[in-house]
Amino acid sequence: MSESIASSLADAGILLAVGMSVVFTFLVILIFVIGLIEKFCQRFPGEEAAASVPARRAPANNEQISPQVVAAISAAVHQHRNSK
């Protein structure tokens, strides 16, 4: 019976070592790949994030927001706050 326990402990130790080695290797590769991506991004910078996303346009001085729109938005916000 003690041989069975010793064999099981040996198998568990081998499994532990293999599992930890696989995780360690994966993390080392991940760090290396992230470093490569960082160098690539520094060498070939893309467009600014703000330039690729269209900005909201504020109304010009001659464009006024209609009072009905303001009232509708205010009523919707009020109703939403009261529903909770």
C-alpha atoms as a PDB file:
ATOM      1  CA  MET A   1       0.000   0.000   0.000  1.00  0.00           C
ATOM      2  CA  SER A   2       2.884   2.397   0.710  1.00  0.00           C
ATOM      3  CA  GLU A   3       4.196   1.809  -2.825  1.00  0.00           C
ATOM      4  CA  SER A   4       0.849   2.966  -4.167  1.00  0.00           C
ATOM      5  CA  ILE A   5       0.977   6.155  -2.109  1.00  0.00           C
ATOM      6  CA  ALA A   6       4.591   6.815  -3.108  1.00  0.00           C
ATOM      7  CA  SER A   7       3.723   6.258  -6.766  1.00  0.00           C
ATOM      8  CA  SER A   8       0.743   8.602  -6.503  1.00  0.00           C
ATOM      9  CA  LEU A   9       2.854  11.286  -4.830  1.00  0.00           C
ATOM     10  CA  ALA A  10       5.515  10.934  -7.519  1.00  0.00           C
ATOM     11  CA  ASP A  11       2.872  11.260 -10.243  1.00  0.00           C
ATOM     12  CA  ALA A  12       1.415  14.316  -8.496  1.00  0.00           C
ATOM     13  CA  GLY A  13       4.862  15.920  -8.249  1.00  0.00           C
ATOM     14  CA  ILE A  14       5.545  15.318 -11.940  1.00  0.00           C
ATOM     15  CA  LEU A  15       2.136  16.707 -12.860  1.00  0.00           C
ATOM     16  CA  LEU A  16       2.767  19.759 -10.664  1.00  0.00           C
ATOM     17  CA  ALA A  17       6.164  20.396 -12.271  1.00  0.00           C
ATOM     18  CA  VAL A  18       4.812  20.011 -15.809  1.00  0.00           C
ATOM     19  CA  GLY A  19       1.849  22.294 -15.103  1.00  0.00           C
ATOM     20  CA  MET A  20       3.960  25.015 -13.548  1.00  0.00           C
ATOM     21  CA  SER A  21       6.466  24.780 -16.405  1.00  0.00           C
ATOM     22  CA  VAL A  22       3.714  25.176 -18.994  1.00  0.00           C
ATOM     23  CA  VAL A  23       2.279  28.233 -17.219  1.00  0.00           C
ATOM     24  CA  PHE A  24       5.724  29.801 -16.764  1.00  0.00           C
ATOM     25  CA  THR A  25       6.582  29.233 -20.435  1.00  0.00           C
ATOM     26  CA  PHE A  26       3.258  30.736 -21.543  1.00  0.00           C
ATOM     27  CA  LEU A  27       3.812  33.836 -19.403  1.00  0.00           C
ATOM     28  CA  VAL A  28       7.359  34.316 -20.726  1.00  0.00           C
ATOM     29  CA  ILE A  29       6.094  34.066 -24.311  1.00  0.00           C
ATOM     30  CA  LEU A  30       3.247  36.475 -23.504  1.00  0.00           C
ATOM     31  CA  ILE A  31       5.657  39.061 -22.074  1.00  0.00           C
ATOM     32  CA  PHE A  32       7.900  38.708 -25.132  1.00  0.00           C
ATOM     33  CA  VAL A  33       4.982  39.166 -27.552  1.00  0.00           C
ATOM     34  CA  ILE A  34       3.688  42.206 -25.653  1.00  0.00           C
ATOM     35  CA  GLY A  35       7.175  43.732 -25.883  1.00  0.00           C
ATOM     36  CA  LEU A  36       7.210  43.132 -29.637  1.00  0.00           C
ATOM     37  CA  ILE A  37       3.792  44.729 -30.013  1.00  0.00           C
ATOM     38  CA  GLU A  38       4.970  47.735 -28.001  1.00  0.00           C
ATOM     39  CA  LYS A  39       8.026  48.201 -30.237  1.00  0.00           C
ATOM     40  CA  PHE A  40       5.872  47.811 -33.351  1.00  0.00           C
ATOM     41  CA  CYS A  41       3.399  50.433 -32.115  1.00  0.00           C
ATOM     42  CA  GLN A  42       6.186  52.858 -31.265  1.00  0.00           C
ATOM     43  CA  ARG A  43       7.787  52.411 -34.657  1.00  0.00           C
ATOM     44  CA  PHE A  44       4.556  52.627 -36.655  1.00  0.00           C
ATOM     45  CA  PRO A  45       2.216  54.942 -34.749  1.00  0.00           C
ATOM     46  CA  GLY A  46      -1.326  55.016 -36.030  1.00  0.00           C
ATOM     47  CA  GLU A  47      -3.751  57.857 -36.186  1.00  0.00           C
ATOM     48  CA  GLU A  48      -4.844  59.497 -32.987  1.00  0.00           C
ATOM     49  CA  ALA A  49      -7.804  57.784 -31.382  1.00  0.00           C
ATOM     50  CA  ALA A  50      -9.663  61.068 -31.219  1.00  0.00           C
ATOM     51  CA  ALA A  51      -9.153  61.662 -34.944  1.00  0.00           C
ATOM     52  CA  SER A  52     -10.698  58.321 -35.899  1.00  0.00           C
ATOM     53  CA  VAL A  53     -13.824  58.873 -33.770  1.00  0.00           C
ATOM     54  CA  PRO A  54     -16.116  61.605 -35.038  1.00  0.00           C
ATOM     55  CA  ALA A  55     -16.517  64.328 -32.439  1.00  0.00           C
ATOM     56  CA  ARG A  56     -19.921  65.582 -31.413  1.00  0.00           C
ATOM     57  CA  ARG A  57     -20.764  68.846 -33.034  1.00  0.00           C
ATOM     58  CA  ALA A  58     -21.891  71.558 -30.693  1.00  0.00           C
ATOM     59  CA  PRO A  59     -24.669  73.760 -32.013  1.00  0.00           C
ATOM     60  CA  ALA A  60     -23.447  76.964 -33.565  1.00  0.00           C
ATOM     61  CA  ASN A  61     -24.611  80.313 -32.276  1.00  0.00           C
ATOM     62  CA  ASN A  62     -27.297  80.586 -34.932  1.00  0.00           C
ATOM     63  CA  GLU A  63     -28.568  77.046 -34.212  1.00  0.00           C
ATOM     64  CA  GLN A  64     -30.611  76.938 -31.033  1.00  0.00           C
ATOM     65  CA  ILE A  65     -31.903  73.792 -29.428  1.00  0.00           C
ATOM     66  CA  SER A  66     -35.654  73.844 -29.546  1.00  0.00           C
ATOM     67  CA  PRO A  67     -37.441  74.256 -26.195  1.00  0.00           C
ATOM     68  CA  GLN A  68     -39.585  71.217 -27.027  1.00  0.00           C
ATOM     69  CA  VAL A  69     -36.447  69.051 -27.301  1.00  0.00           C
ATOM     70  CA  VAL A  70     -35.140  70.367 -23.989  1.00  0.00           C
ATOM     71  CA  ALA A  71     -38.512  69.687 -22.351  1.00  0.00           C
ATOM     72  CA  ALA A  72     -38.648  66.151 -23.772  1.00  0.00           C
ATOM     73  CA  ILE A  73     -35.137  65.341 -22.564  1.00  0.00           C
ATOM     74  CA  SER A  74     -35.858  66.801 -19.128  1.00  0.00           C
ATOM     75  CA  ALA A  75     -39.077  64.781 -18.832  1.00  0.00           C
ATOM     76  CA  ALA A  76     -37.297  61.577 -19.868  1.00  0.00           C
ATOM     77  CA  VAL A  77     -34.529  62.112 -17.319  1.00  0.00           C
ATOM     78  CA  HIS A  78     -37.051  62.923 -14.607  1.00  0.00           C
ATOM     79  CA  GLN A  79     -39.109  59.816 -15.397  1.00  0.00           C
ATOM     80  CA  HIS A  80     -36.011  57.617 -15.465  1.00  0.00           C
ATOM     81  CA  ARG A  81     -34.808  58.905 -12.092  1.00  0.00           C
ATOM     82  CA  ASN A  82     -38.232  58.408 -10.513  1.00  0.00           C
ATOM     83  CA  SER A  83     -38.601  54.864 -11.859  1.00  0.00           C
ATOM     84  CA  LYS A  84     -35.680  53.594  -9.788  1.00  0.00           C
END
